[in-house]
Amino acid sequence: MTPGHGSTVDGVLRRSARRTPARVAVEYRDRRWTYEELDTAVSRAASVLLGLGLSPGDRVGAYGHNSDAYLIGFLACARAGLVHVPVNQNLTGDDLAYLVRQSGSTLVLADPDLAGRLPVGVRRLPLRDADDSLLARLATAPAYDGPEPGGEDLVQLLYTSGTTALPKGAMMTHRALVHEYLSAVTALDIGADDRPVHALPLYHSAQMHVFLLPCLTVGATNIILDAPDGDRLFDLIEAGRVDSLFAPPTVWIGLANRSDFATRDLAGLRKAYYGASIMPVPVLERLRERLPGLAFYNCFGQSEIGPLATVLGSDEHEGRMDSCGRPVLFVEARVVDPDGRDVPDGTPGEIVYRSPQLCEGYWDKPQETRQAFRGGWFHSGDLAVRDADGYFTIVDRVKDVINSGGVLIASRQVEDALYTHEAVAEAAVVGLPDERWIEAVTAVVVTRAEVTEEDLIAHVREKLTAFKAPKRVLFVDELPRNASGKILKRELRDRFAGS
């Protein structure tokens, strides 16, 4: 592909700005941007970045909270041919230094309250809330009129969540992400008349690439929130200002557990998207019972594929509530055994992908890249089952399957059984080292009512074969998770391994 064809991340905004220039594109706090204003701001921000001496291909870290400035910074990098590196705003110390160092970021766009955490000597530019910030400099910057990047050029390093190992930077091209945007638009029924709210962190690929950018692609009006605050979300829904929401299961669980969940007028919410981790079926059933007119979509994937791989549509839930759906428009998926051979439908195996949405590999990690793409397919690390109609169900992460006495047990199945107990607010099941069982099935539970370990073990035994029941139940005040809502089972295993 050659520059000038417009198949770029920033190109989707440019087209929307030409199509509906006066329409409101983004609202954040007391600021609102029309599509024309947003496109102009992106061009000026691109000039600011290149004026700092950066060159196409340079990596630019982004270490900030949700804001309009964060979005403008990403799109400006895309327009200028720079490689954007989103950094978890909660990272500090060695974890933060690792991402900045491993990516080779020559500049970090940082909110002022976070900038002090950056390693000494790292060049930084405030995103907002400062006289010399990127947002403040837009008023005097010229519009960028240089060459467009090519579709095969890198636009972002999407670092994996690091739930099982050190994060790896998935190298995403413009072409890969534009394909993913079209997949999201078609699979999630995203349209110009939607009124979405974006409350999850924009550094995370799901909120940015499955929702915000696809919504900008079709010309919708988007509200960006600092965080998924239940009061603010319910107010916006009741006021008719938003009608679609994406949240991971942990946030949906929190909303469903609110005392006013049963009394607030949430009828204006038309589309509910969930993903980033497995939704417990009992929780989904409670949500659907409370909001029968709401269209639910299960979104599944991972950073390396942009991140959307499969979707269970709103009309596909009946009879397959635990399914993650079928592959989206530009994704081909198989379920294979350890030797890469297809397994029969109904048989667990690793799900592998082939797609133009896929990353080019991992930044500066050739060995990990070869391992992930062996046999010409990307190996996801997820254990799945495919049925005869082409629907996939995720059984577990391959690394989270528990080997208890030589029998493999999927932690998700045990978690779903626990969630049917009224006293369980949240649950995570892991395998802990055990002399007798190799790994002992162990449940780590957050409760909302009084319950004993014996009660929960007996409850699971009523739902599942006895050997799948937890050998132990540990009670905690909260489960560790990353900002995308994924429970960090590695931390649970480390914390309780010697207990």
Protein backbone atom coordinates (compact mmCIF):
# COMPACT_ATOMS: atom_id res chain seq x y z
CA MET A 1 0.00 0.00 0.00
CA THR A 2 1.11 3.55 -0.69
CA PRO A 3 0.57 6.75 1.29
CA GLY A 4 -2.42 8.80 0.23
CA HIS A 5 -5.08 6.10 0.15
CA GLY A 6 -6.50 7.21 3.50
CA SER A 7 -6.63 3.75 5.09
CA THR A 8 -5.25 5.12 8.34
CA VAL A 9 -6.50 5.50 11.88
CA ASP A 10 -6.69 9.28 11.66
CA GLY A 11 -8.23 8.94 8.20
CA VAL A 12 -11.47 7.60 9.66
CA LEU A 13 -11.85 10.87 11.59
CA ARG A 14 -11.01 12.94 8.52
CA ARG A 15 -13.77 11.25 6.53
CA SER A 16 -16.33 11.77 9.30
CA ALA A 17 -15.32 15.44 9.55
CA ARG A 18 -15.93 15.93 5.83
CA ARG A 19 -19.23 14.05 5.98
CA THR A 20 -20.73 15.72 9.08
CA PRO A 21 -18.47 18.67 10.02
CA ALA A 22 -20.94 20.41 12.35
CA ARG A 23 -22.03 17.32 14.27
CA VAL A 24 -20.74 16.99 17.84
CA ALA A 25 -18.07 14.30 17.91
CA VAL A 26 -16.88 14.32 21.53
CA GLU A 27 -17.99 15.75 24.85
CA TYR A 28 -15.72 15.74 27.88
CA ARG A 29 -16.67 17.64 31.03
CA ASP A 30 -17.53 21.18 29.84
CA ARG A 31 -15.82 20.87 26.45
CA ARG A 32 -17.38 19.70 23.22
CA TRP A 33 -15.82 19.24 19.80
CA THR A 34 -17.58 19.07 16.47
CA TYR A 35 -16.09 16.67 13.96
CA GLU A 36 -14.52 19.57 12.07
CA GLU A 37 -13.05 21.04 15.27
CA LEU A 38 -11.71 17.68 16.39
CA ASP A 39 -10.09 17.03 13.02
CA THR A 40 -8.46 20.47 13.08
CA ALA A 41 -7.22 19.90 16.63
CA VAL A 42 -5.64 16.60 15.59
CA SER A 43 -3.80 18.27 12.69
CA ARG A 44 -2.49 21.02 14.94
CA ALA A 45 -1.43 18.53 17.61
CA ALA A 46 0.46 16.56 14.95
CA SER A 47 2.38 19.73 14.11
CA VAL A 48 3.16 20.30 17.79
CA LEU A 49 4.62 16.82 18.16
CA LEU A 50 6.73 16.98 15.01
CA GLY A 51 7.87 20.46 16.03
CA LEU A 52 9.47 18.91 19.10
CA GLY A 53 11.94 17.12 16.85
CA LEU A 54 10.15 13.80 16.60
CA SER A 55 10.29 11.80 13.39
CA PRO A 56 7.86 9.27 11.87
CA GLY A 57 8.34 5.90 13.54
CA ASP A 58 9.36 7.38 16.91
CA ARG A 59 7.45 5.98 19.87
CA VAL A 60 5.42 8.34 22.03
CA GLY A 61 4.16 7.16 25.40
CA ALA A 62 0.73 8.23 26.65
CA TYR A 63 0.36 8.24 30.43
CA GLY A 64 -2.87 9.98 31.24
CA HIS A 65 -6.42 9.76 32.47
CA ASN A 66 -9.46 9.71 30.22
CA SER A 67 -9.95 13.03 28.48
CA ASP A 68 -10.46 14.68 25.11
CA ALA A 69 -6.74 15.53 25.18
CA TYR A 70 -5.83 11.84 25.44
CA LEU A 71 -7.89 11.08 22.31
CA ILE A 72 -6.39 14.03 20.42
CA GLY A 73 -2.89 12.90 21.38
CA PHE A 74 -3.48 9.41 19.97
CA LEU A 75 -4.97 10.64 16.71
CA ALA A 76 -2.21 13.25 16.35
CA CYS A 77 0.43 10.53 16.65
CA ALA A 78 -1.41 8.57 13.97
CA ARG A 79 -1.54 11.55 11.62
CA ALA A 80 2.12 12.42 12.16
CA GLY A 81 3.33 8.87 11.54
CA LEU A 82 4.39 8.39 15.17
CA VAL A 83 3.84 5.19 17.15
CA HIS A 84 1.54 5.70 20.12
CA VAL A 85 2.30 3.70 23.28
CA PRO A 86 -0.66 3.71 25.73
CA VAL A 87 0.51 3.17 29.31
CA ASN A 88 -1.70 2.00 32.16
CA GLN A 89 -2.31 5.10 34.30
CA ASN A 90 -2.00 2.97 37.44
CA LEU A 91 1.53 1.77 36.72
CA THR A 92 4.35 3.04 38.89
CA GLY A 93 7.95 2.17 39.72
CA ASP A 94 9.61 -0.68 37.84
CA ASP A 95 6.41 -1.60 35.97
CA LEU A 96 6.15 1.89 34.51
CA ALA A 97 9.87 2.11 33.77
CA TYR A 98 9.73 -1.24 31.95
CA LEU A 99 7.09 -0.08 29.46
CA VAL A 100 8.79 3.25 28.78
CA ARG A 101 12.19 1.62 28.39
CA GLN A 102 11.07 -1.48 26.45
CA SER A 103 9.06 0.60 23.95
CA GLY A 104 11.91 3.06 23.44
CA SER A 105 9.55 6.02 23.89
CA THR A 106 11.37 9.28 23.15
CA LEU A 107 8.57 11.42 24.60
CA VAL A 108 5.76 10.72 27.06
CA LEU A 109 2.49 12.65 26.95
CA ALA A 110 1.60 12.74 30.64
CA ASP A 111 -1.08 14.33 32.75
CA PRO A 112 0.62 16.63 35.29
CA ASP A 113 -0.52 14.62 38.32
CA LEU A 114 1.14 11.51 36.87
CA ALA A 115 4.30 12.98 35.35
CA GLY A 116 6.26 12.81 38.61
CA ARG A 117 6.08 9.00 38.52
CA LEU A 118 8.03 8.77 35.27
CA PRO A 119 11.65 7.62 35.36
CA VAL A 120 14.25 10.35 35.71
CA GLY A 121 15.45 11.69 32.38
CA VAL A 122 12.33 10.77 30.38
CA ARG A 123 11.23 13.64 28.14
CA ARG A 124 7.63 14.60 28.80
CA LEU A 125 4.89 16.93 27.59
CA PRO A 126 1.70 17.62 29.59
CA LEU A 127 -1.46 16.43 27.89
CA ARG A 128 -3.64 19.05 29.60
CA ASP A 129 -4.04 21.25 32.69
CA ALA A 130 -0.80 23.16 32.08
CA ASP A 131 0.14 26.31 30.16
CA ASP A 132 2.55 24.38 27.95
CA SER A 133 0.32 21.32 27.50
CA LEU A 134 -0.52 19.71 24.18
CA LEU A 135 -4.09 20.98 24.48
CA ALA A 136 -2.98 24.56 25.26
CA ARG A 137 -0.59 24.67 22.30
CA LEU A 138 -3.33 23.95 19.76
CA ALA A 139 -4.44 27.58 19.61
CA THR A 140 -1.18 28.75 18.01
CA ALA A 141 -0.07 25.64 16.12
CA PRO A 142 -0.40 25.39 12.34
CA ALA A 143 -2.35 22.52 10.81
CA TYR A 144 -0.23 19.56 9.74
CA ASP A 145 -0.06 19.24 5.97
CA GLY A 146 2.68 16.63 5.59
CA PRO A 147 2.50 13.18 4.00
CA GLU A 148 0.11 10.56 5.28
CA PRO A 149 1.52 7.42 6.84
CA GLY A 150 1.05 4.19 4.95
CA GLY A 151 -1.43 1.52 5.90
CA GLU A 152 1.39 -0.88 6.75
CA ASP A 153 3.12 1.61 9.06
CA LEU A 154 2.99 1.01 12.80
CA VAL A 155 0.57 3.26 14.67
CA GLN A 156 0.51 1.75 18.16
CA LEU A 157 2.21 -0.66 20.51
CA LEU A 158 -0.60 -2.32 22.44
CA TYR A 159 0.92 -3.88 25.52
CA THR A 160 -0.69 -7.07 26.74
CA SER A 161 -2.29 -6.96 30.16
CA GLY A 162 0.49 -8.97 31.77
CA THR A 163 -1.82 -11.20 33.83
CA THR A 164 0.51 -14.19 33.38
CA ALA A 165 3.89 -12.69 32.33
CA LEU A 166 5.65 -9.42 31.57
CA PRO A 167 3.65 -7.29 29.11
CA LYS A 168 4.55 -7.56 25.43
CA GLY A 169 4.03 -4.74 22.92
CA ALA A 170 1.76 -5.92 20.10
CA MET A 171 2.80 -3.99 16.97
CA MET A 172 -0.40 -2.65 15.40
CA THR A 173 -0.47 -1.13 11.92
CA HIS A 174 -2.96 1.41 10.59
CA ARG A 175 -4.33 -1.27 8.30
CA ALA A 176 -4.92 -3.72 11.15
CA LEU A 177 -6.84 -1.23 13.28
CA VAL A 178 -8.96 0.10 10.40
CA HIS A 179 -10.00 -3.48 9.62
CA GLU A 180 -10.84 -3.96 13.29
CA TYR A 181 -12.98 -0.80 13.34
CA LEU A 182 -15.07 -2.10 10.46
CA SER A 183 -15.43 -5.47 12.19
CA ALA A 184 -16.65 -3.69 15.34
CA VAL A 185 -19.12 -1.47 13.48
CA THR A 186 -20.74 -4.42 11.73
CA ALA A 187 -20.74 -6.93 14.61
CA LEU A 188 -21.88 -4.50 17.30
CA ASP A 189 -24.52 -2.66 15.26
CA ILE A 190 -22.78 0.69 15.79
CA GLY A 191 -24.49 3.57 14.01
CA ALA A 192 -24.37 7.35 13.67
CA ASP A 193 -27.48 7.76 15.82
CA ASP A 194 -25.96 5.92 18.79
CA ARG A 195 -25.22 7.94 21.93
CA PRO A 196 -22.35 6.01 23.55
CA VAL A 197 -20.60 6.78 26.81
CA HIS A 198 -16.94 5.80 27.17
CA ALA A 199 -16.08 5.31 30.82
CA LEU A 200 -13.35 2.66 30.83
CA PRO A 201 -9.68 3.68 30.44
CA LEU A 202 -8.84 4.88 26.94
CA TYR A 203 -5.35 3.42 27.20
CA HIS A 204 -7.05 0.01 27.06
CA SER A 205 -7.65 -1.36 23.57
CA ALA A 206 -11.29 -2.37 24.18
CA GLN A 207 -12.62 1.09 25.04
CA MET A 208 -10.51 2.87 22.42
CA HIS A 209 -10.60 0.47 19.49
CA VAL A 210 -13.83 -1.49 19.88
CA PHE A 211 -15.97 1.50 20.81
CA LEU A 212 -14.62 5.07 20.67
CA LEU A 213 -12.84 4.91 17.30
CA PRO A 214 -15.56 2.82 15.59
CA CYS A 215 -18.14 5.30 16.89
CA LEU A 216 -16.09 8.17 15.45
CA THR A 217 -15.85 6.22 12.20
CA VAL A 218 -19.63 6.30 11.72
CA GLY A 219 -20.13 9.85 13.03
CA ALA A 220 -21.76 9.23 16.42
CA THR A 221 -21.70 11.70 19.32
CA ASN A 222 -19.49 10.39 22.14
CA ILE A 223 -19.33 11.26 25.82
CA ILE A 224 -16.03 10.53 27.57
CA LEU A 225 -16.07 10.09 31.36
CA ASP A 226 -13.15 10.08 33.75
CA ALA A 227 -14.23 6.72 35.19
CA PRO A 228 -17.24 4.36 35.30
CA ASP A 229 -18.97 6.20 38.13
CA GLY A 230 -22.37 4.61 38.75
CA ASP A 231 -24.10 7.84 39.77
CA ARG A 232 -22.92 9.66 36.67
CA LEU A 233 -23.77 6.75 34.35
CA PHE A 234 -27.29 6.38 35.76
CA ASP A 235 -27.87 10.16 35.54
CA LEU A 236 -26.82 10.24 31.89
CA ILE A 237 -29.05 7.30 31.05
CA GLU A 238 -32.06 8.76 32.84
CA ALA A 239 -31.51 12.12 31.10
CA GLY A 240 -31.55 10.41 27.70
CA ARG A 241 -28.04 11.56 26.85
CA VAL A 242 -26.55 8.09 26.38
CA ASP A 243 -28.03 4.85 25.13
CA SER A 244 -25.07 2.45 24.91
CA LEU A 245 -22.43 1.37 27.41
CA PHE A 246 -19.45 -0.95 27.41
CA ALA A 247 -18.13 -2.34 30.68
CA PRO A 248 -16.24 -5.42 31.85
CA PRO A 249 -18.11 -7.93 34.05
CA THR A 250 -16.64 -6.44 37.22
CA VAL A 251 -18.26 -3.07 36.45
CA TRP A 252 -21.58 -4.64 35.45
CA ILE A 253 -21.51 -6.61 38.72
CA GLY A 254 -20.89 -3.38 40.63
CA LEU A 255 -23.79 -1.62 38.89
CA ALA A 256 -26.11 -4.59 39.51
CA ASN A 257 -25.15 -4.63 43.19
CA ARG A 258 -26.05 -0.95 43.71
CA SER A 259 -28.96 -0.32 46.03
CA ASP A 260 -30.69 1.87 43.40
CA PHE A 261 -30.24 -0.54 40.49
CA ALA A 262 -33.82 -1.77 40.84
CA THR A 263 -35.35 1.71 41.11
CA ARG A 264 -33.54 3.95 38.60
CA ASP A 265 -35.15 4.48 35.19
CA LEU A 266 -32.69 2.77 32.88
CA ALA A 267 -35.11 2.09 30.02
CA GLY A 268 -33.23 4.51 27.78
CA LEU A 269 -30.21 2.21 27.65
CA ARG A 270 -30.54 0.30 24.35
CA LYS A 271 -27.20 -1.51 24.01
CA ALA A 272 -25.08 -3.16 26.69
CA TYR A 273 -21.65 -4.44 25.73
CA TYR A 274 -19.55 -6.64 27.99
CA GLY A 275 -16.12 -8.16 27.59
CA ALA A 276 -12.44 -7.96 28.65
CA SER A 277 -13.02 -11.00 30.88
CA ILE A 278 -15.55 -13.80 31.17
CA MET A 279 -19.03 -12.76 32.33
CA PRO A 280 -20.48 -15.15 34.94
CA VAL A 281 -23.70 -16.53 33.48
CA PRO A 282 -25.71 -16.00 36.72
CA VAL A 283 -24.78 -12.31 36.67
CA LEU A 284 -25.82 -11.95 33.02
CA GLU A 285 -29.14 -13.64 33.80
CA ARG A 286 -29.82 -11.16 36.61
CA LEU A 287 -29.05 -8.21 34.35
CA ARG A 288 -31.29 -9.49 31.57
CA GLU A 289 -34.13 -10.09 34.03
CA ARG A 290 -33.90 -6.53 35.38
CA LEU A 291 -33.56 -4.94 31.91
CA PRO A 292 -35.51 -7.19 29.51
CA GLY A 293 -35.52 -4.68 26.66
CA LEU A 294 -31.74 -4.18 26.68
CA ALA A 295 -29.68 -5.66 23.83
CA PHE A 296 -26.61 -7.42 25.23
CA TYR A 297 -23.44 -8.10 23.21
CA ASN A 298 -20.54 -10.25 24.37
CA CYS A 299 -17.24 -8.94 22.96
CA PHE A 300 -14.24 -11.24 23.09
CA GLY A 301 -10.65 -10.98 21.91
CA GLN A 302 -7.22 -9.78 22.97
CA SER A 303 -4.80 -6.95 22.34
CA GLU A 304 -2.96 -8.75 19.55
CA ILE A 305 -6.03 -8.76 17.30
CA GLY A 306 -6.98 -5.17 17.85
CA PRO A 307 -8.74 -6.51 20.14
CA LEU A 308 -12.12 -7.76 18.82
CA ALA A 309 -12.17 -11.38 17.63
CA THR A 310 -15.68 -12.76 18.28
CA VAL A 311 -19.09 -11.36 19.20
CA LEU A 312 -22.23 -12.94 20.58
CA GLY A 313 -24.95 -10.69 19.23
CA SER A 314 -28.03 -9.45 21.02
CA ASP A 315 -30.25 -11.98 19.24
CA GLU A 316 -27.91 -14.92 19.85
CA HIS A 317 -27.91 -15.28 23.64
CA GLU A 318 -30.81 -17.68 24.10
CA GLY A 319 -29.50 -21.18 24.74
CA ARG A 320 -25.86 -20.11 24.61
CA MET A 321 -25.41 -17.58 27.41
CA ASP A 322 -21.86 -18.76 28.08
CA SER A 323 -20.74 -18.39 24.46
CA CYS A 324 -18.50 -15.61 23.15
CA GLY A 325 -20.14 -15.88 19.74
CA ARG A 326 -18.71 -16.25 16.27
CA PRO A 327 -15.73 -14.58 14.57
CA VAL A 328 -16.24 -11.01 13.38
CA LEU A 329 -15.99 -9.88 9.78
CA PHE A 330 -12.23 -10.01 9.29
CA VAL A 331 -11.34 -12.86 11.65
CA GLU A 332 -10.91 -16.57 10.92
CA ALA A 333 -10.71 -18.88 13.96
CA ARG A 334 -10.01 -22.57 14.62
CA VAL A 335 -9.75 -24.79 17.70
CA VAL A 336 -6.64 -26.95 17.70
CA ASP A 337 -4.74 -29.50 19.77
CA PRO A 338 -1.14 -28.92 21.01
CA ASP A 339 0.18 -30.07 17.61
CA GLY A 340 -1.92 -27.51 15.72
CA ARG A 341 -4.46 -30.01 14.37
CA ASP A 342 -8.18 -29.20 14.33
CA VAL A 343 -10.16 -30.90 17.08
CA PRO A 344 -13.76 -32.10 16.61
CA ASP A 345 -16.60 -29.74 17.51
CA GLY A 346 -17.37 -29.99 21.21
CA THR A 347 -13.76 -30.81 22.09
CA PRO A 348 -11.67 -28.28 24.06
CA GLY A 349 -8.56 -26.91 22.39
CA GLU A 350 -6.65 -23.70 21.89
CA ILE A 351 -8.34 -21.07 19.75
CA VAL A 352 -6.07 -19.72 16.99
CA TYR A 353 -6.63 -16.82 14.60
CA ARG A 354 -5.76 -15.60 11.12
CA SER A 355 -6.78 -12.03 10.30
CA PRO A 356 -5.70 -8.70 8.79
CA GLN A 357 -6.49 -7.28 12.24
CA LEU A 358 -3.57 -9.11 13.82
CA CYS A 359 -0.45 -7.42 15.09
CA GLU A 360 2.84 -7.76 13.24
CA GLY A 361 4.38 -9.44 16.26
CA TYR A 362 5.80 -8.27 19.58
CA TRP A 363 8.06 -5.25 19.80
CA ASP A 364 11.70 -6.36 20.16
CA LYS A 365 10.67 -9.91 21.09
CA PRO A 366 11.38 -12.13 18.06
CA GLN A 367 11.31 -15.40 19.97
CA GLU A 368 7.90 -14.68 21.51
CA THR A 369 6.65 -13.60 18.08
CA ARG A 370 7.72 -16.88 16.46
CA GLN A 371 6.11 -18.86 19.25
CA ALA A 372 2.80 -16.97 19.02
CA PHE A 373 2.57 -17.24 15.22
CA ARG A 374 3.80 -20.80 14.78
CA GLY A 375 2.17 -22.65 11.93
CA GLY A 376 0.97 -19.41 10.33
CA TRP A 377 -1.79 -18.84 12.91
CA PHE A 378 -1.80 -16.68 16.02
CA HIS A 379 -2.02 -18.82 19.16
CA SER A 380 -4.28 -17.03 21.65
CA GLY A 381 -3.59 -18.98 24.83
CA ASP A 382 -7.36 -19.38 25.33
CA LEU A 383 -8.96 -22.80 25.74
CA ALA A 384 -12.20 -22.95 23.76
CA VAL A 385 -14.90 -25.23 22.41
CA ARG A 386 -16.60 -24.73 19.04
CA ASP A 387 -20.08 -26.06 18.35
CA ALA A 388 -21.57 -27.30 15.08
CA ASP A 389 -23.09 -23.86 14.35
CA GLY A 390 -19.72 -22.12 14.61
CA TYR A 391 -20.19 -20.58 18.06
CA PHE A 392 -17.21 -20.52 20.39
CA THR A 393 -17.24 -20.88 24.17
CA ILE A 394 -14.14 -19.95 26.15
CA VAL A 395 -13.40 -22.61 28.72
CA ASP A 396 -10.44 -20.89 30.34
CA ARG A 397 -7.05 -19.42 29.74
CA VAL A 398 -4.75 -22.33 28.95
CA LYS A 399 -2.55 -21.26 31.87
CA ASP A 400 -5.53 -21.05 34.25
CA VAL A 401 -6.79 -24.61 33.74
CA ILE A 402 -6.31 -26.51 37.01
CA ASN A 403 -4.63 -29.91 37.07
CA SER A 404 -6.14 -31.54 40.15
CA GLY A 405 -5.10 -35.15 40.68
CA GLY A 406 -4.36 -35.50 36.96
CA VAL A 407 -7.84 -34.24 35.97
CA LEU A 408 -8.11 -30.90 34.15
CA ILE A 409 -10.71 -28.54 35.63
CA ALA A 410 -11.83 -25.25 34.07
CA SER A 411 -11.88 -22.49 36.66
CA ARG A 412 -14.73 -20.73 34.88
CA GLN A 413 -17.14 -23.60 35.50
CA VAL A 414 -16.46 -23.51 39.23
CA GLU A 415 -16.78 -19.71 39.29
CA ASP A 416 -20.18 -19.87 37.59
CA ALA A 417 -21.37 -22.34 40.22
CA LEU A 418 -20.20 -20.04 43.01
CA TYR A 419 -21.99 -17.04 41.49
CA THR A 420 -25.32 -18.84 41.88
CA HIS A 421 -24.99 -18.50 45.67
CA GLU A 422 -26.68 -15.33 46.88
CA ALA A 423 -23.87 -14.50 49.30
CA VAL A 424 -21.16 -14.38 46.61
CA ALA A 425 -20.41 -10.93 45.20
CA GLU A 426 -17.25 -11.92 43.29
CA ALA A 427 -15.25 -15.09 42.89
CA ALA A 428 -12.02 -16.27 41.30
CA VAL A 429 -10.88 -19.89 41.21
CA VAL A 430 -7.21 -20.86 40.95
CA GLY A 431 -5.07 -23.93 41.42
CA LEU A 432 -2.65 -23.80 44.34
CA PRO A 433 0.26 -26.25 44.79
CA ASP A 434 -0.74 -29.37 46.72
CA GLU A 435 1.28 -32.48 47.54
CA ARG A 436 -1.67 -34.78 47.04
CA TRP A 437 -3.64 -33.12 44.24
CA ILE A 438 -0.78 -31.42 42.30
CA GLU A 439 -3.04 -28.37 42.27
CA ALA A 440 -5.90 -27.89 44.73
CA VAL A 441 -9.00 -26.15 43.42
CA THR A 442 -9.16 -22.99 45.53
CA ALA A 443 -11.89 -20.35 45.50
CA VAL A 444 -11.10 -16.75 46.46
CA VAL A 445 -14.38 -15.03 47.28
CA VAL A 446 -15.73 -11.57 48.06
CA THR A 447 -19.02 -11.88 49.94
CA ARG A 448 -22.06 -9.65 50.33
CA ALA A 449 -23.65 -11.69 53.12
CA GLU A 450 -22.47 -14.03 55.82
CA VAL A 451 -21.47 -17.46 54.55
CA THR A 452 -18.99 -20.15 55.57
CA GLU A 453 -16.38 -22.07 53.64
CA GLU A 454 -18.35 -25.28 54.21
CA ASP A 455 -21.53 -23.66 52.84
CA LEU A 456 -19.86 -22.67 49.57
CA ILE A 457 -18.12 -26.01 49.05
CA ALA A 458 -21.41 -27.83 49.62
CA HIS A 459 -23.18 -25.46 47.22
CA VAL A 460 -20.69 -26.18 44.41
CA ARG A 461 -20.96 -29.91 45.06
CA GLU A 462 -24.69 -29.63 44.40
CA LYS A 463 -24.03 -27.96 41.05
CA LEU A 464 -20.98 -29.88 39.78
CA THR A 465 -19.25 -33.21 40.00
CA ALA A 466 -17.71 -33.49 43.45
CA PHE A 467 -14.06 -33.46 42.32
CA LYS A 468 -14.57 -30.01 40.76
CA ALA A 469 -15.62 -28.45 44.07
CA PRO A 470 -13.07 -26.24 45.84
CA LYS A 471 -10.83 -27.90 48.37
CA ARG A 472 -10.60 -24.51 50.09
CA VAL A 473 -12.41 -21.18 50.09
CA LEU A 474 -10.46 -18.03 50.98
CA PHE A 475 -12.34 -14.83 51.81
CA VAL A 476 -10.97 -11.42 50.79
CA ASP A 477 -12.25 -7.84 50.75
CA GLU A 478 -11.49 -7.39 47.04
CA LEU A 479 -9.95 -9.23 44.12
CA PRO A 480 -6.84 -7.85 42.41
CA ARG A 481 -7.51 -6.74 38.86
CA ASN A 482 -6.02 -4.58 36.18
CA ALA A 483 -7.76 -1.44 34.96
CA SER A 484 -9.57 -3.33 32.19
CA GLY A 485 -11.33 -5.43 34.81
CA LYS A 486 -9.40 -8.66 34.39
CA ILE A 487 -8.83 -10.47 37.64
CA LEU A 488 -5.11 -11.03 38.19
CA LYS A 489 -5.06 -14.72 39.00
CA ARG A 490 -1.28 -14.72 38.92
CA GLU A 491 -1.32 -12.41 41.95
CA LEU A 492 -3.79 -14.69 43.75
CA ARG A 493 -1.61 -17.72 43.10
CA ASP A 494 1.48 -15.88 44.34
CA ARG A 495 -0.29 -14.48 47.41
CA PHE A 496 -1.80 -17.73 48.61
CA ALA A 497 0.70 -20.31 47.34
CA GLY A 498 2.20 -20.89 50.79
CA SER A 499 -0.97 -20.56 52.81
